[in-house]
């Protein structure tokens, strides 16, 4: 009998830990501006399929040019976002808790546009494309709402990355985003 009771306690703790991870994942995903068009139920569904990952300082989370099928939301720690252009790498941003990256690759299937490196111990919520594809398939208005949110973020990034490029370059970044969401 004692062995059964211990297993029950262990299973209960495991379920409590899983529920805590889901709650943390829900809060992290709910805070992502790109996901504002999603209902709480849709975000909860994503959280059920999300996982927590930890990285140590110096570890690369994603590499520029690689296939990307996941979104990352930072729960703890800081990362550096870098892009290499013609042999020269430059820092685009430093992101901390509550920040996210990988949404373009998640939704469009395009290669990663930058590399992301952990500057210290980092904990992230990771959502894979398979979980998100189900939402897109079930809600045909969602792709349009998400494309509008992503276009807004793309415009902001274009202004930050190349303020001298002008509005034509900024428009080129966002043209056809809805068509690229897979």
Protein backbone atom coordinates (compact mmCIF):
# COMPACT_ATOMS: atom_id res chain seq x y z
CA UNK A 1 0.00 0.00 0.00
CA UNK A 2 2.73 2.45 0.82
CA UNK A 3 4.23 2.10 -2.65
CA UNK A 4 0.89 2.91 -4.27
CA UNK A 5 0.52 6.02 -2.09
CA UNK A 6 3.99 7.23 -3.08
CA UNK A 7 3.22 6.78 -6.76
CA UNK A 8 -0.01 8.66 -6.31
CA UNK A 9 1.85 11.55 -4.68
CA UNK A 10 4.42 11.55 -7.48
CA UNK A 11 1.70 11.51 -10.14
CA UNK A 12 -0.14 14.33 -8.39
CA UNK A 13 3.05 16.41 -8.26
CA UNK A 14 3.71 15.69 -11.91
CA UNK A 15 0.18 16.83 -12.81
CA UNK A 16 0.57 19.96 -10.65
CA UNK A 17 3.90 20.76 -12.34
CA UNK A 18 2.37 20.23 -15.78
CA UNK A 19 -0.55 22.50 -14.89
CA UNK A 20 1.89 25.16 -13.65
CA UNK A 21 3.84 24.94 -16.93
CA UNK A 22 0.61 25.29 -18.92
CA UNK A 23 -0.44 28.32 -16.85
CA UNK A 24 2.98 29.96 -17.35
CA UNK A 25 2.83 29.14 -21.06
CA UNK A 26 -0.67 30.61 -21.33
CA UNK A 27 0.40 33.86 -19.65
CA UNK A 28 3.51 34.10 -21.83
CA UNK A 29 1.60 33.44 -25.04
CA UNK A 30 -1.27 35.73 -24.07
CA UNK A 31 1.25 38.58 -23.73
CA UNK A 32 2.51 38.17 -27.32
CA UNK A 33 1.06 41.07 -29.32
CA UNK A 34 0.93 39.01 -32.51
CA UNK A 35 -1.48 36.63 -30.74
CA UNK A 36 -3.96 39.31 -29.65
CA UNK A 37 -6.45 38.14 -32.33
CA UNK A 38 -6.59 34.73 -30.62
CA UNK A 39 -9.29 33.92 -28.08
CA UNK A 40 -8.28 32.73 -24.61
CA UNK A 41 -9.38 29.20 -25.60
CA UNK A 42 -7.12 29.29 -28.65
CA UNK A 43 -4.18 30.51 -26.55
CA UNK A 44 -4.91 27.80 -23.96
CA UNK A 45 -4.80 25.22 -26.75
CA UNK A 46 -1.40 26.53 -27.88
CA UNK A 47 -0.18 26.43 -24.26
CA UNK A 48 -1.23 22.78 -23.95
CA UNK A 49 1.06 21.97 -26.88
CA UNK A 50 3.89 24.28 -25.85
CA UNK A 51 7.02 23.22 -24.00
CA UNK A 52 9.52 24.93 -21.74
CA UNK A 53 13.18 24.93 -22.73
CA UNK A 54 16.24 26.20 -20.89
CA UNK A 55 19.48 27.46 -22.45
CA UNK A 56 22.79 28.39 -20.88
CA UNK A 57 24.81 31.54 -21.56
CA UNK A 58 26.44 31.42 -24.99
CA UNK A 59 24.05 28.82 -26.39
CA UNK A 60 22.34 29.53 -29.74
CA UNK A 61 18.55 29.23 -29.73
CA UNK A 62 18.09 29.74 -33.49
CA UNK A 63 20.49 30.26 -36.40
CA UNK A 64 20.00 32.64 -39.30
CA UNK A 65 19.12 30.82 -42.51
CA UNK A 66 17.91 27.63 -40.84
CA UNK A 67 14.37 26.35 -41.24
CA UNK A 68 12.13 27.63 -38.53
CA UNK A 69 8.91 26.10 -37.38
CA UNK A 70 8.64 27.44 -33.85
CA UNK A 71 7.97 30.59 -31.86
CA UNK A 72 9.88 31.44 -28.67
CA UNK A 73 8.59 33.56 -25.78
CA UNK A 74 11.19 34.56 -23.19
CA UNK A 75 10.17 33.85 -19.60
CA UNK A 76 13.53 34.55 -18.01
CA UNK A 77 16.96 35.77 -19.11
CA UNK A 78 18.26 37.87 -21.99
CA UNK A 79 19.12 37.06 -25.60
CA UNK A 80 20.95 38.87 -28.41
CA UNK A 81 19.44 38.97 -31.90
CA UNK A 82 22.08 39.23 -34.66
CA UNK A 83 21.89 39.29 -38.44
CA UNK A 84 24.80 38.61 -40.78
CA UNK A 85 24.79 40.58 -44.02
CA UNK A 86 27.66 40.02 -46.43
CA UNK A 87 30.07 38.74 -43.80
CA UNK A 88 29.29 41.48 -41.29
CA UNK A 89 27.17 40.57 -38.27
CA UNK A 90 25.33 43.29 -36.42
CA UNK A 91 23.21 43.23 -33.31
CA UNK A 92 19.57 44.01 -34.03
CA UNK A 93 18.23 43.79 -30.50
CA UNK A 94 18.53 42.47 -27.00
CA UNK A 95 15.37 40.86 -25.71
CA UNK A 96 14.30 40.10 -22.16
CA UNK A 97 11.36 38.48 -20.35
CA UNK A 98 8.06 38.90 -22.16
CA UNK A 99 9.74 39.32 -25.56
CA UNK A 100 9.25 36.86 -28.39
CA UNK A 101 10.86 35.85 -31.67
CA UNK A 102 10.37 33.32 -34.45
CA UNK A 103 6.82 34.31 -35.35
CA UNK A 104 7.59 34.94 -39.03
CA UNK A 105 9.18 31.52 -39.50
CA UNK A 106 6.37 29.90 -37.53
CA UNK A 107 3.65 31.38 -39.70
CA UNK A 108 5.31 31.59 -43.11
CA UNK A 109 7.76 28.67 -43.05
CA UNK A 110 10.52 31.02 -44.24
CA UNK A 111 14.10 30.52 -42.99
CA UNK A 112 15.19 32.31 -39.82
CA UNK A 113 16.12 35.92 -40.60
CA UNK A 114 18.52 36.25 -37.66
CA UNK A 115 20.42 34.25 -35.05
CA UNK A 116 19.49 34.40 -31.37
CA UNK A 117 22.09 33.79 -28.66
CA UNK A 118 21.51 33.40 -24.91
CA UNK A 119 23.41 36.06 -22.95
CA UNK A 120 22.71 34.33 -19.63
CA UNK A 121 20.51 31.50 -18.36
CA UNK A 122 17.35 31.63 -20.49
CA UNK A 123 13.96 29.97 -20.13
CA UNK A 124 11.54 30.07 -23.07
CA UNK A 125 8.11 28.79 -24.03
CA UNK A 126 8.29 27.11 -27.45
CA UNK A 127 5.28 26.67 -29.75
CA UNK A 128 5.73 24.43 -32.79
CA UNK A 129 4.07 24.99 -36.16
CA UNK A 130 1.91 21.84 -35.91
CA UNK A 131 0.02 23.27 -32.92
CA UNK A 132 -0.49 26.59 -34.65
CA UNK A 133 -1.53 25.09 -38.00
CA UNK A 134 -4.56 23.50 -36.34
CA UNK A 135 -5.77 26.94 -35.21
CA UNK A 136 -5.32 28.40 -38.69
CA UNK A 137 -7.20 25.51 -40.25
CA UNK A 138 -10.10 25.86 -37.78
CA UNK A 139 -10.45 29.66 -38.02
CA UNK A 140 -10.25 31.13 -41.53
CA UNK A 141 -10.37 34.74 -40.25
CA UNK A 142 -7.38 34.15 -38.00
CA UNK A 143 -4.80 34.20 -40.82
CA UNK A 144 -5.90 37.70 -41.87
CA UNK A 145 -5.86 39.03 -38.30
CA UNK A 146 -2.42 37.54 -37.70
CA UNK A 147 -1.06 38.87 -40.99
CA UNK A 148 -2.15 42.38 -39.99
CA UNK A 149 -0.42 42.04 -36.60
CA UNK A 150 2.74 40.70 -38.25
CA UNK A 151 2.74 43.44 -40.88
CA UNK A 152 2.62 46.02 -38.12
CA UNK A 153 5.59 44.40 -36.37
CA UNK A 154 7.47 44.06 -39.69
CA UNK A 155 6.97 47.76 -40.41
CA UNK A 156 8.30 48.65 -36.95
CA UNK A 157 11.35 46.42 -37.48
CA UNK A 158 11.96 47.86 -40.95
CA UNK A 159 11.94 51.38 -39.54
CA UNK A 160 14.33 50.37 -36.74
CA UNK A 161 16.66 48.34 -38.98
CA UNK A 162 16.88 50.78 -41.88
CA UNK A 163 15.39 54.21 -41.18
CA UNK A 164 17.05 55.67 -44.27
CA UNK A 165 15.57 53.05 -46.60
CA UNK A 166 12.33 54.98 -47.04
CA UNK A 167 8.71 53.89 -47.19
CA UNK A 168 9.11 51.87 -50.39
CA UNK A 169 11.50 49.47 -48.67
CA UNK A 170 9.19 49.27 -45.65
CA UNK A 171 6.22 48.38 -47.88
CA UNK A 172 8.26 45.68 -49.63
CA UNK A 173 8.80 44.00 -46.26
CA UNK A 174 5.07 43.62 -45.68
CA UNK A 175 3.71 42.99 -49.20
CA UNK A 176 2.11 39.62 -49.55
CA UNK A 177 2.43 38.52 -45.91
CA UNK A 178 -1.05 37.04 -45.87
CA UNK A 179 -0.15 34.94 -48.92
CA UNK A 180 3.00 33.69 -47.15
CA UNK A 181 1.20 32.48 -44.00
CA UNK A 182 1.00 28.73 -44.30
